[in-house]
Amino acid sequence: MNQRAVEMVAELMALSARTAPKGRGQDSIETVILCGDRLQELADEMRKMGRARGLNFFLRDAANVEKSDACLVIGLRGESVGLDCGGCGHITCQMMHDAQRDFLEKQPEKLFHGPCCAIKVTDLGIALGSAAKTAGLHNVDNRIMFSAGADALSKKMLQGCLMAYALPLKAGGKSIYFDRTA
């Protein structure tokens, strides 16, 4: 029963992320829900990535993902709102897109692939907060994780996305996502 309930909450979280406010009303997020064997695959890949890059917190986070009931991954596509505002560090949105293409060609091994539109990155943060709020409303423990999102991104789980975060979920007597050792 817990498993089915947590998966339903993950779907509601994805809905919260989708309907969260977006700059200029333009939606550039993608979501995927992982359960069962896909959680174990993500945890195994996180361990490999953590060891290969010397990022020990990936190993700690992988242990949490492995014990989770489900995981929502939210990614951001590499779009802009077309305002030429300069928030991304480039003079125009087109210059940002050119820099994205150059970055992907020259540094595909990076965990995230920038630059990204500052307004769209804010949208991603709002979507993550909305999803976490929904989990909390339903008493499902969660934690926003860079590590699991970066690994999901490297495995191309979210087509066209340049950055992603994951929210593993667990229904248990005590949250597994806090009081963790480094």
N, C-alpha and C. Protein backbone atom coordinates (compact mmCIF):
# COMPACT_ATOMS: atom_id res chain seq x y z
N MET A 1 0.82 -1.19 0.00
CA MET A 1 0.00 0.00 0.00
C MET A 1 0.87 1.26 0.00
N ASN A 2 1.94 1.30 0.84
CA ASN A 2 2.82 2.47 0.87
C ASN A 2 3.39 2.77 -0.51
N GLN A 3 3.84 1.73 -1.21
CA GLN A 3 4.47 1.93 -2.52
C GLN A 3 3.51 2.62 -3.48
N ARG A 4 2.29 2.12 -3.56
CA ARG A 4 1.31 2.70 -4.47
C ARG A 4 1.00 4.15 -4.08
N ALA A 5 0.88 4.40 -2.78
CA ALA A 5 0.60 5.76 -2.31
C ALA A 5 1.74 6.71 -2.64
N VAL A 6 2.98 6.26 -2.45
CA VAL A 6 4.14 7.12 -2.76
C VAL A 6 4.21 7.40 -4.25
N GLU A 7 3.93 6.41 -5.07
CA GLU A 7 3.93 6.63 -6.52
C GLU A 7 2.85 7.64 -6.92
N MET A 8 1.70 7.58 -6.25
CA MET A 8 0.64 8.55 -6.52
C MET A 8 1.09 9.96 -6.12
N VAL A 9 1.76 10.06 -4.98
CA VAL A 9 2.28 11.36 -4.55
C VAL A 9 3.33 11.86 -5.54
N ALA A 10 4.17 10.97 -6.06
CA ALA A 10 5.16 11.38 -7.08
C ALA A 10 4.45 11.96 -8.30
N GLU A 11 3.34 11.37 -8.69
CA GLU A 11 2.57 11.90 -9.83
C GLU A 11 2.00 13.27 -9.49
N LEU A 12 1.51 13.45 -8.27
CA LEU A 12 1.00 14.75 -7.85
C LEU A 12 2.12 15.79 -7.79
N MET A 13 3.30 15.35 -7.38
CA MET A 13 4.46 16.25 -7.35
C MET A 13 4.82 16.70 -8.77
N ALA A 14 4.79 15.76 -9.71
CA ALA A 14 5.07 16.11 -11.11
C ALA A 14 4.04 17.12 -11.61
N LEU A 15 2.79 16.94 -11.20
CA LEU A 15 1.74 17.89 -11.56
C LEU A 15 2.02 19.26 -10.94
N SER A 16 2.45 19.29 -9.68
CA SER A 16 2.79 20.55 -9.03
C SER A 16 3.93 21.26 -9.76
N ALA A 17 4.93 20.49 -10.18
CA ALA A 17 6.05 21.08 -10.92
C ALA A 17 5.56 21.64 -12.26
N ARG A 18 4.69 20.89 -12.92
CA ARG A 18 4.18 21.33 -14.22
C ARG A 18 3.36 22.61 -14.10
N THR A 19 2.54 22.71 -13.06
CA THR A 19 1.64 23.86 -12.94
C THR A 19 2.23 25.01 -12.14
N ALA A 20 3.46 24.87 -11.66
CA ALA A 20 4.11 25.96 -10.94
C ALA A 20 4.27 27.16 -11.87
N PRO A 21 4.27 28.37 -11.32
CA PRO A 21 4.42 29.55 -12.17
C PRO A 21 5.72 29.51 -12.98
N LYS A 22 5.64 29.97 -14.21
CA LYS A 22 6.80 30.00 -15.12
C LYS A 22 6.93 31.41 -15.71
N GLY A 23 8.16 31.87 -15.89
CA GLY A 23 8.43 33.16 -16.50
C GLY A 23 7.80 33.26 -17.89
N ARG A 24 7.04 34.32 -18.10
CA ARG A 24 6.32 34.57 -19.37
C ARG A 24 5.35 33.43 -19.71
N GLY A 25 5.06 32.56 -18.73
CA GLY A 25 4.12 31.46 -18.97
C GLY A 25 4.66 30.38 -19.87
N GLN A 26 5.97 30.35 -20.07
CA GLN A 26 6.61 29.37 -20.96
C GLN A 26 7.20 28.23 -20.15
N ASP A 27 6.71 27.03 -20.38
CA ASP A 27 7.12 25.85 -19.62
C ASP A 27 8.30 25.17 -20.31
N SER A 28 9.39 25.00 -19.59
CA SER A 28 10.60 24.37 -20.14
C SER A 28 11.11 23.24 -19.25
N ILE A 29 10.21 22.65 -18.45
CA ILE A 29 10.67 21.56 -17.59
C ILE A 29 10.20 20.22 -18.14
N GLU A 30 10.94 19.19 -17.76
CA GLU A 30 10.59 17.80 -18.06
C GLU A 30 10.62 17.04 -16.75
N THR A 31 9.77 16.04 -16.63
CA THR A 31 9.76 15.22 -15.41
C THR A 31 9.77 13.75 -15.78
N VAL A 32 10.34 12.96 -14.88
CA VAL A 32 10.30 11.50 -15.00
C VAL A 32 10.23 10.93 -13.58
N ILE A 33 9.42 9.89 -13.43
CA ILE A 33 9.29 9.22 -12.14
C ILE A 33 9.97 7.86 -12.23
N LEU A 34 10.85 7.58 -11.28
CA LEU A 34 11.57 6.31 -11.24
C LEU A 34 11.09 5.49 -10.05
N CYS A 35 10.86 4.21 -10.29
CA CYS A 35 10.43 3.27 -9.24
C CYS A 35 11.12 1.93 -9.48
N GLY A 36 11.10 1.09 -8.46
CA GLY A 36 11.57 -0.29 -8.60
C GLY A 36 13.00 -0.40 -9.08
N ASP A 37 13.20 -1.21 -10.12
CA ASP A 37 14.55 -1.47 -10.64
C ASP A 37 15.24 -0.20 -11.13
N ARG A 38 14.46 0.77 -11.62
CA ARG A 38 15.06 2.01 -12.12
C ARG A 38 15.72 2.80 -10.99
N LEU A 39 15.18 2.69 -9.78
CA LEU A 39 15.82 3.33 -8.62
C LEU A 39 17.17 2.70 -8.33
N GLN A 40 17.21 1.38 -8.37
CA GLN A 40 18.47 0.67 -8.13
C GLN A 40 19.50 1.01 -9.20
N GLU A 41 19.05 1.09 -10.46
CA GLU A 41 19.96 1.46 -11.55
C GLU A 41 20.52 2.86 -11.33
N LEU A 42 19.65 3.80 -10.91
CA LEU A 42 20.12 5.16 -10.65
C LEU A 42 21.14 5.16 -9.51
N ALA A 43 20.86 4.44 -8.43
CA ALA A 43 21.79 4.38 -7.30
C ALA A 43 23.13 3.79 -7.72
N ASP A 44 23.09 2.71 -8.51
CA ASP A 44 24.34 2.09 -8.97
C ASP A 44 25.15 3.06 -9.83
N GLU A 45 24.47 3.77 -10.71
CA GLU A 45 25.17 4.73 -11.58
C GLU A 45 25.71 5.91 -10.78
N MET A 46 24.97 6.33 -9.75
CA MET A 46 25.46 7.41 -8.89
C MET A 46 26.76 7.00 -8.20
N ARG A 47 26.83 5.76 -7.76
CA ARG A 47 28.06 5.27 -7.13
C ARG A 47 29.23 5.29 -8.12
N LYS A 48 28.97 4.82 -9.33
CA LYS A 48 30.03 4.83 -10.35
C LYS A 48 30.51 6.25 -10.62
N MET A 49 29.56 7.16 -10.79
CA MET A 49 29.91 8.54 -11.08
C MET A 49 30.66 9.16 -9.90
N GLY A 50 30.20 8.89 -8.69
CA GLY A 50 30.85 9.43 -7.50
C GLY A 50 32.28 8.95 -7.36
N ARG A 51 32.50 7.66 -7.59
CA ARG A 51 33.86 7.12 -7.51
C ARG A 51 34.75 7.69 -8.61
N ALA A 52 34.22 7.75 -9.82
CA ALA A 52 35.00 8.24 -10.96
C ALA A 52 35.41 9.70 -10.80
N ARG A 53 34.56 10.49 -10.15
CA ARG A 53 34.81 11.92 -10.02
C ARG A 53 35.33 12.32 -8.64
N GLY A 54 35.44 11.35 -7.73
CA GLY A 54 35.88 11.66 -6.38
C GLY A 54 34.86 12.48 -5.59
N LEU A 55 33.59 12.25 -5.87
CA LEU A 55 32.51 12.98 -5.19
C LEU A 55 31.83 12.04 -4.21
N ASN A 56 32.33 12.02 -2.98
CA ASN A 56 31.83 11.07 -1.98
C ASN A 56 30.37 11.26 -1.62
N PHE A 57 29.86 12.49 -1.74
CA PHE A 57 28.45 12.69 -1.39
C PHE A 57 27.53 11.97 -2.37
N PHE A 58 28.01 11.66 -3.57
CA PHE A 58 27.21 10.85 -4.50
C PHE A 58 27.00 9.45 -3.91
N LEU A 59 28.00 8.91 -3.23
CA LEU A 59 27.89 7.58 -2.62
C LEU A 59 26.86 7.59 -1.49
N ARG A 60 26.92 8.62 -0.66
CA ARG A 60 25.95 8.76 0.44
C ARG A 60 24.54 8.90 -0.13
N ASP A 61 24.38 9.77 -1.13
CA ASP A 61 23.06 9.99 -1.72
C ASP A 61 22.54 8.74 -2.42
N ALA A 62 23.44 7.97 -3.03
CA ALA A 62 23.04 6.73 -3.70
C ALA A 62 22.41 5.76 -2.71
N ALA A 63 22.96 5.71 -1.49
CA ALA A 63 22.38 4.84 -0.46
C ALA A 63 20.96 5.27 -0.13
N ASN A 64 20.71 6.59 -0.12
CA ASN A 64 19.35 7.08 0.12
C ASN A 64 18.42 6.73 -1.04
N VAL A 65 18.88 6.93 -2.26
CA VAL A 65 18.06 6.62 -3.44
C VAL A 65 17.69 5.15 -3.45
N GLU A 66 18.65 4.32 -3.11
CA GLU A 66 18.45 2.87 -3.09
C GLU A 66 17.34 2.45 -2.12
N LYS A 67 17.21 3.18 -1.01
CA LYS A 67 16.21 2.85 0.01
C LYS A 67 14.88 3.57 -0.22
N SER A 68 14.80 4.37 -1.27
CA SER A 68 13.60 5.16 -1.53
C SER A 68 12.50 4.32 -2.17
N ASP A 69 11.27 4.82 -2.06
CA ASP A 69 10.13 4.16 -2.68
C ASP A 69 9.92 4.62 -4.12
N ALA A 70 10.32 5.84 -4.41
CA ALA A 70 10.19 6.41 -5.76
C ALA A 70 11.11 7.62 -5.83
N CYS A 71 11.26 8.16 -7.02
CA CYS A 71 12.10 9.34 -7.21
C CYS A 71 11.55 10.15 -8.38
N LEU A 72 11.31 11.43 -8.14
CA LEU A 72 10.89 12.33 -9.21
C LEU A 72 12.11 13.12 -9.66
N VAL A 73 12.38 13.12 -10.95
CA VAL A 73 13.48 13.90 -11.51
C VAL A 73 12.85 15.04 -12.31
N ILE A 74 13.32 16.25 -12.07
CA ILE A 74 12.82 17.43 -12.78
C ILE A 74 14.00 18.07 -13.50
N GLY A 75 13.87 18.20 -14.81
CA GLY A 75 14.94 18.77 -15.62
C GLY A 75 14.50 20.05 -16.32
N LEU A 76 15.49 20.81 -16.74
CA LEU A 76 15.26 22.07 -17.43
C LEU A 76 15.84 22.00 -18.84
N ARG A 77 14.99 22.22 -19.83
CA ARG A 77 15.46 22.28 -21.22
C ARG A 77 16.24 23.58 -21.42
N GLY A 78 17.07 23.60 -22.43
CA GLY A 78 17.96 24.73 -22.68
C GLY A 78 17.34 25.86 -23.46
N GLU A 79 16.17 26.29 -23.07
CA GLU A 79 15.46 27.36 -23.78
C GLU A 79 15.66 28.68 -23.04
N SER A 80 15.24 29.75 -23.68
CA SER A 80 15.28 31.07 -23.04
C SER A 80 13.89 31.69 -23.18
N VAL A 81 13.67 32.79 -22.47
CA VAL A 81 12.39 33.49 -22.59
C VAL A 81 12.44 34.56 -23.68
N GLY A 82 13.61 34.78 -24.26
CA GLY A 82 13.72 35.71 -25.38
C GLY A 82 13.70 37.18 -25.01
N LEU A 83 14.15 37.52 -23.82
CA LEU A 83 14.13 38.92 -23.38
C LEU A 83 15.46 39.63 -23.57
N ASP A 84 16.52 38.91 -23.90
CA ASP A 84 17.86 39.51 -23.99
C ASP A 84 18.19 40.32 -22.74
N CYS A 85 17.86 39.76 -21.55
CA CYS A 85 18.00 40.50 -20.29
C CYS A 85 19.43 40.50 -19.76
N GLY A 86 20.26 39.54 -20.17
CA GLY A 86 21.64 39.46 -19.69
C GLY A 86 21.82 38.67 -18.41
N GLY A 87 20.74 38.17 -17.83
CA GLY A 87 20.83 37.42 -16.57
C GLY A 87 21.71 36.19 -16.65
N CYS A 88 21.86 35.63 -17.84
CA CYS A 88 22.69 34.43 -18.03
C CYS A 88 24.16 34.78 -18.20
N GLY A 89 24.45 36.08 -18.33
CA GLY A 89 25.82 36.50 -18.53
C GLY A 89 26.17 36.79 -19.98
N HIS A 90 25.19 36.66 -20.86
CA HIS A 90 25.40 36.94 -22.28
C HIS A 90 24.53 38.12 -22.70
N ILE A 91 24.97 38.81 -23.74
CA ILE A 91 24.28 40.02 -24.18
C ILE A 91 22.90 39.70 -24.77
N THR A 92 22.81 38.61 -25.51
CA THR A 92 21.53 38.22 -26.12
C THR A 92 21.24 36.75 -25.84
N CYS A 93 19.98 36.40 -25.99
CA CYS A 93 19.59 34.99 -25.82
C CYS A 93 20.26 34.13 -26.89
N GLN A 94 20.40 34.65 -28.08
CA GLN A 94 21.05 33.88 -29.15
C GLN A 94 22.51 33.60 -28.79
N MET A 95 23.19 34.58 -28.19
CA MET A 95 24.57 34.35 -27.77
C MET A 95 24.64 33.27 -26.69
N MET A 96 23.64 33.23 -25.80
CA MET A 96 23.59 32.18 -24.78
C MET A 96 23.42 30.82 -25.45
N HIS A 97 22.51 30.73 -26.42
CA HIS A 97 22.30 29.46 -27.12
C HIS A 97 23.56 29.01 -27.86
N ASP A 98 24.27 29.95 -28.47
CA ASP A 98 25.54 29.62 -29.14
C ASP A 98 26.55 29.09 -28.12
N ALA A 99 26.59 29.72 -26.94
CA ALA A 99 27.51 29.28 -25.89
C ALA A 99 27.12 27.89 -25.38
N GLN A 100 25.83 27.60 -25.29
CA GLN A 100 25.37 26.26 -24.89
C GLN A 100 25.90 25.21 -25.86
N ARG A 101 25.73 25.48 -27.13
CA ARG A 101 26.18 24.54 -28.16
C ARG A 101 27.69 24.32 -28.07
N ASP A 102 28.44 25.40 -27.92
CA ASP A 102 29.90 25.28 -27.78
C ASP A 102 30.26 24.48 -26.53
N PHE A 103 29.57 24.75 -25.42
CA PHE A 103 29.84 24.06 -24.16
C PHE A 103 29.60 22.56 -24.32
N LEU A 104 28.47 22.19 -24.90
CA LEU A 104 28.13 20.78 -25.09
C LEU A 104 29.15 20.07 -25.97
N GLU A 105 29.64 20.77 -26.99
CA GLU A 105 30.63 20.17 -27.89
C GLU A 105 31.98 19.99 -27.21
N LYS A 106 32.37 20.97 -26.39
CA LYS A 106 33.71 20.97 -25.80
C LYS A 106 33.78 20.28 -24.44
N GLN A 107 32.68 20.26 -23.69
CA GLN A 107 32.72 19.73 -22.33
C GLN A 107 31.49 18.86 -22.02
N PRO A 108 31.24 17.83 -22.82
CA PRO A 108 30.03 17.01 -22.59
C PRO A 108 30.05 16.24 -21.28
N GLU A 109 31.23 16.12 -20.66
CA GLU A 109 31.34 15.34 -19.42
C GLU A 109 30.91 16.11 -18.19
N LYS A 110 30.64 17.40 -18.32
CA LYS A 110 30.24 18.21 -17.16
C LYS A 110 28.89 17.73 -16.62
N LEU A 111 28.67 17.95 -15.34
CA LEU A 111 27.44 17.48 -14.69
C LEU A 111 26.21 18.25 -15.16
N PHE A 112 26.34 19.55 -15.36
CA PHE A 112 25.29 20.37 -15.95
C PHE A 112 25.87 21.01 -17.20
N HIS A 113 25.00 21.47 -18.08
CA HIS A 113 25.44 22.02 -19.36
C HIS A 113 24.89 23.42 -19.54
N GLY A 114 25.67 24.40 -19.20
CA GLY A 114 25.23 25.79 -19.29
C GLY A 114 25.81 26.47 -20.50
N PRO A 115 25.63 27.74 -20.58
CA PRO A 115 24.86 28.56 -19.66
C PRO A 115 23.36 28.32 -19.83
N CYS A 116 22.60 28.72 -18.83
CA CYS A 116 21.15 28.58 -18.88
C CYS A 116 20.50 29.93 -18.61
N CYS A 117 19.33 30.10 -19.15
CA CYS A 117 18.53 31.31 -18.93
C CYS A 117 18.25 31.46 -17.44
N ALA A 118 18.59 32.62 -16.88
CA ALA A 118 18.39 32.85 -15.45
C ALA A 118 16.92 32.76 -15.06
N ILE A 119 16.05 33.19 -15.93
CA ILE A 119 14.61 33.12 -15.64
C ILE A 119 14.16 31.67 -15.63
N LYS A 120 14.66 30.87 -16.56
CA LYS A 120 14.30 29.45 -16.61
C LYS A 120 14.86 28.69 -15.41
N VAL A 121 16.06 29.04 -14.96
CA VAL A 121 16.63 28.39 -13.78
C VAL A 121 15.77 28.72 -12.55
N THR A 122 15.29 29.95 -12.48
CA THR A 122 14.36 30.32 -11.41
C THR A 122 13.09 29.49 -11.50
N ASP A 123 12.58 29.30 -12.72
CA ASP A 123 11.39 28.45 -12.92
C ASP A 123 11.64 27.04 -12.39
N LEU A 124 12.83 26.50 -12.65
CA LEU A 124 13.17 25.16 -12.16
C LEU A 124 13.13 25.13 -10.63
N GLY A 125 13.70 26.15 -10.01
CA GLY A 125 13.69 26.21 -8.55
C GLY A 125 12.28 26.28 -7.98
N ILE A 126 11.42 27.05 -8.63
CA ILE A 126 10.02 27.14 -8.18
C ILE A 126 9.33 25.80 -8.36
N ALA A 127 9.58 25.13 -9.48
CA ALA A 127 8.99 23.81 -9.72
C ALA A 127 9.45 22.80 -8.68
N LEU A 128 10.74 22.83 -8.33
CA LEU A 128 11.27 21.93 -7.30
C LEU A 128 10.61 22.20 -5.95
N GLY A 129 10.48 23.47 -5.61
CA GLY A 129 9.84 23.83 -4.34
C GLY A 129 8.38 23.41 -4.31
N SER A 130 7.68 23.58 -5.41
CA SER A 130 6.28 23.17 -5.49
C SER A 130 6.14 21.67 -5.33
N ALA A 131 7.04 20.92 -5.96
CA ALA A 131 7.01 19.45 -5.86
C ALA A 131 7.31 19.01 -4.43
N ALA A 132 8.32 19.61 -3.80
CA ALA A 132 8.66 19.26 -2.42
C ALA A 132 7.52 19.60 -1.47
N LYS A 133 6.85 20.73 -1.72
CA LYS A 133 5.70 21.12 -0.90
C LYS A 133 4.61 20.07 -1.00
N THR A 134 4.35 19.57 -2.20
CA THR A 134 3.32 18.56 -2.39
C THR A 134 3.66 17.28 -1.63
N ALA A 135 4.92 16.87 -1.68
CA ALA A 135 5.34 15.69 -0.91
C ALA A 135 5.09 15.92 0.58
N GLY A 136 5.46 17.09 1.06
CA GLY A 136 5.26 17.42 2.47
C GLY A 136 3.79 17.42 2.87
N LEU A 137 2.94 17.94 2.00
CA LEU A 137 1.50 17.96 2.30
C LEU A 137 0.94 16.55 2.47
N HIS A 138 1.59 15.59 1.81
CA HIS A 138 1.14 14.19 1.88
C HIS A 138 2.01 13.35 2.82
N ASN A 139 2.84 14.03 3.61
CA ASN A 139 3.67 13.37 4.63
C ASN A 139 4.62 12.33 4.05
N VAL A 140 5.14 12.60 2.87
CA VAL A 140 6.14 11.72 2.25
C VAL A 140 7.49 12.42 2.38
N ASP A 141 8.45 11.75 3.01
CA ASP A 141 9.78 12.32 3.19
C ASP A 141 10.46 12.46 1.83
N ASN A 142 11.23 13.55 1.69
CA ASN A 142 11.92 13.80 0.42
C ASN A 142 13.11 14.70 0.68
N ARG A 143 13.97 14.77 -0.32
CA ARG A 143 15.12 15.66 -0.27
C ARG A 143 15.50 16.01 -1.70
N ILE A 144 15.70 17.28 -1.98
CA ILE A 144 16.13 17.68 -3.31
C ILE A 144 17.62 17.36 -3.43
N MET A 145 17.97 16.58 -4.47
CA MET A 145 19.36 16.13 -4.65
C MET A 145 19.92 16.55 -6.00
N PHE A 146 21.03 17.29 -5.94
CA PHE A 146 21.82 17.60 -7.12
C PHE A 146 22.39 16.32 -7.72
N SER A 147 22.94 15.46 -6.87
CA SER A 147 23.66 14.26 -7.32
C SER A 147 22.80 13.34 -8.17
N ALA A 148 21.62 13.01 -7.69
CA ALA A 148 20.73 12.11 -8.43
C ALA A 148 20.24 12.77 -9.71
N GLY A 149 20.02 14.08 -9.67
CA GLY A 149 19.61 14.79 -10.88
C GLY A 149 20.71 14.81 -11.92
N ALA A 150 21.94 15.07 -11.47
CA ALA A 150 23.08 15.10 -12.40
C ALA A 150 23.29 13.74 -13.05
N ASP A 151 23.12 12.68 -12.27
CA ASP A 151 23.29 11.34 -12.83
C ASP A 151 22.17 11.02 -13.82
N ALA A 152 20.94 11.38 -13.48
CA ALA A 152 19.82 11.15 -14.41
C ALA A 152 20.06 11.91 -15.71
N LEU A 153 20.60 13.11 -15.59
CA LEU A 153 20.91 13.91 -16.78
C LEU A 153 21.98 13.23 -17.63
N SER A 154 23.00 12.70 -16.99
CA SER A 154 24.09 12.05 -17.73
C SER A 154 23.59 10.79 -18.44
N LYS A 155 22.53 10.19 -17.91
CA LYS A 155 21.96 8.98 -18.53
C LYS A 155 20.87 9.32 -19.54
N LYS A 156 20.73 10.61 -19.83
CA LYS A 156 19.78 11.11 -20.83
C LYS A 156 18.33 10.68 -20.54
N MET A 157 17.97 10.72 -19.26
CA MET A 157 16.60 10.39 -18.87
C MET A 157 15.63 11.51 -19.21
N LEU A 158 16.16 12.71 -19.44
CA LEU A 158 15.33 13.88 -19.73
C LEU A 158 15.83 14.53 -21.02
N GLN A 159 15.19 14.23 -22.11
CA GLN A 159 15.64 14.70 -23.42
C GLN A 159 15.68 16.23 -23.50
N GLY A 160 16.78 16.75 -24.00
CA GLY A 160 16.91 18.18 -24.22
C GLY A 160 17.19 19.01 -22.98
N CYS A 161 17.37 18.36 -21.84
CA CYS A 161 17.59 19.10 -20.59
C CYS A 161 19.08 19.34 -20.36
N LEU A 162 19.38 20.50 -19.79
CA LEU A 162 20.75 20.89 -19.50
C LEU A 162 21.09 20.81 -18.02
N MET A 163 20.07 20.78 -17.18
CA MET A 163 20.27 20.59 -15.74
C MET A 163 19.06 19.86 -15.18
N ALA A 164 19.28 19.16 -14.07
CA ALA A 164 18.20 18.42 -13.44
C ALA A 164 18.51 18.19 -11.96
N TYR A 165 17.47 18.10 -11.18
CA TYR A 165 17.55 17.73 -9.78
C TYR A 165 16.56 16.60 -9.55
N ALA A 166 16.79 15.81 -8.52
CA ALA A 166 15.89 14.70 -8.22
C ALA A 166 15.37 14.82 -6.80
N LEU A 167 14.17 14.31 -6.61
CA LEU A 167 13.56 14.27 -5.29
C LEU A 167 13.21 12.82 -4.97
N PRO A 168 14.10 12.08 -4.30
CA PRO A 168 13.75 10.74 -3.87
C PRO A 168 12.69 10.83 -2.77
N LEU A 169 11.85 9.80 -2.69
CA LEU A 169 10.70 9.80 -1.79
C LEU A 169 10.66 8.53 -0.96
N LYS A 170 10.27 8.69 0.30
CA LYS A 170 10.17 7.53 1.19
C LYS A 170 9.06 7.75 2.20
N ALA A 171 8.23 6.74 2.39
CA ALA A 171 7.23 6.75 3.45
C ALA A 171 7.70 5.77 4.52
N GLY A 172 8.15 6.29 5.62
CA GLY A 172 8.66 5.45 6.70
C GLY A 172 8.49 6.14 8.04
N GLY A 173 8.88 5.47 9.09
CA GLY A 173 8.74 6.01 10.43
C GLY A 173 9.66 7.18 10.73
N LYS A 174 10.81 7.24 10.05
CA LYS A 174 11.77 8.33 10.23
C LYS A 174 12.40 8.63 8.88
N SER A 175 12.61 9.89 8.62
CA SER A 175 13.19 10.29 7.34
C SER A 175 14.60 9.74 7.18
N ILE A 176 14.83 9.07 6.06
CA ILE A 176 16.17 8.56 5.77
C ILE A 176 17.07 9.64 5.17
N TYR A 177 16.50 10.80 4.87
CA TYR A 177 17.25 11.85 4.17
C TYR A 177 17.92 12.85 5.10
N PHE A 178 17.76 12.68 6.41
CA PHE A 178 18.40 13.58 7.36
C PHE A 178 19.18 12.74 8.37
N ASP A 179 20.00 13.39 9.16
CA ASP A 179 20.90 12.69 10.09
C ASP A 179 21.78 11.72 9.32
N ARG A 180 22.24 12.15 8.15
CA ARG A 180 23.08 11.30 7.30
C ARG A 180 24.54 11.57 7.63
N THR A 181 25.36 10.56 7.42
CA THR A 181 26.80 10.76 7.60
C THR A 181 27.41 11.14 6.26
N ALA A 182 28.46 11.91 6.31
CA ALA A 182 29.09 12.43 5.09
C ALA A 182 29.72 11.40 4.24
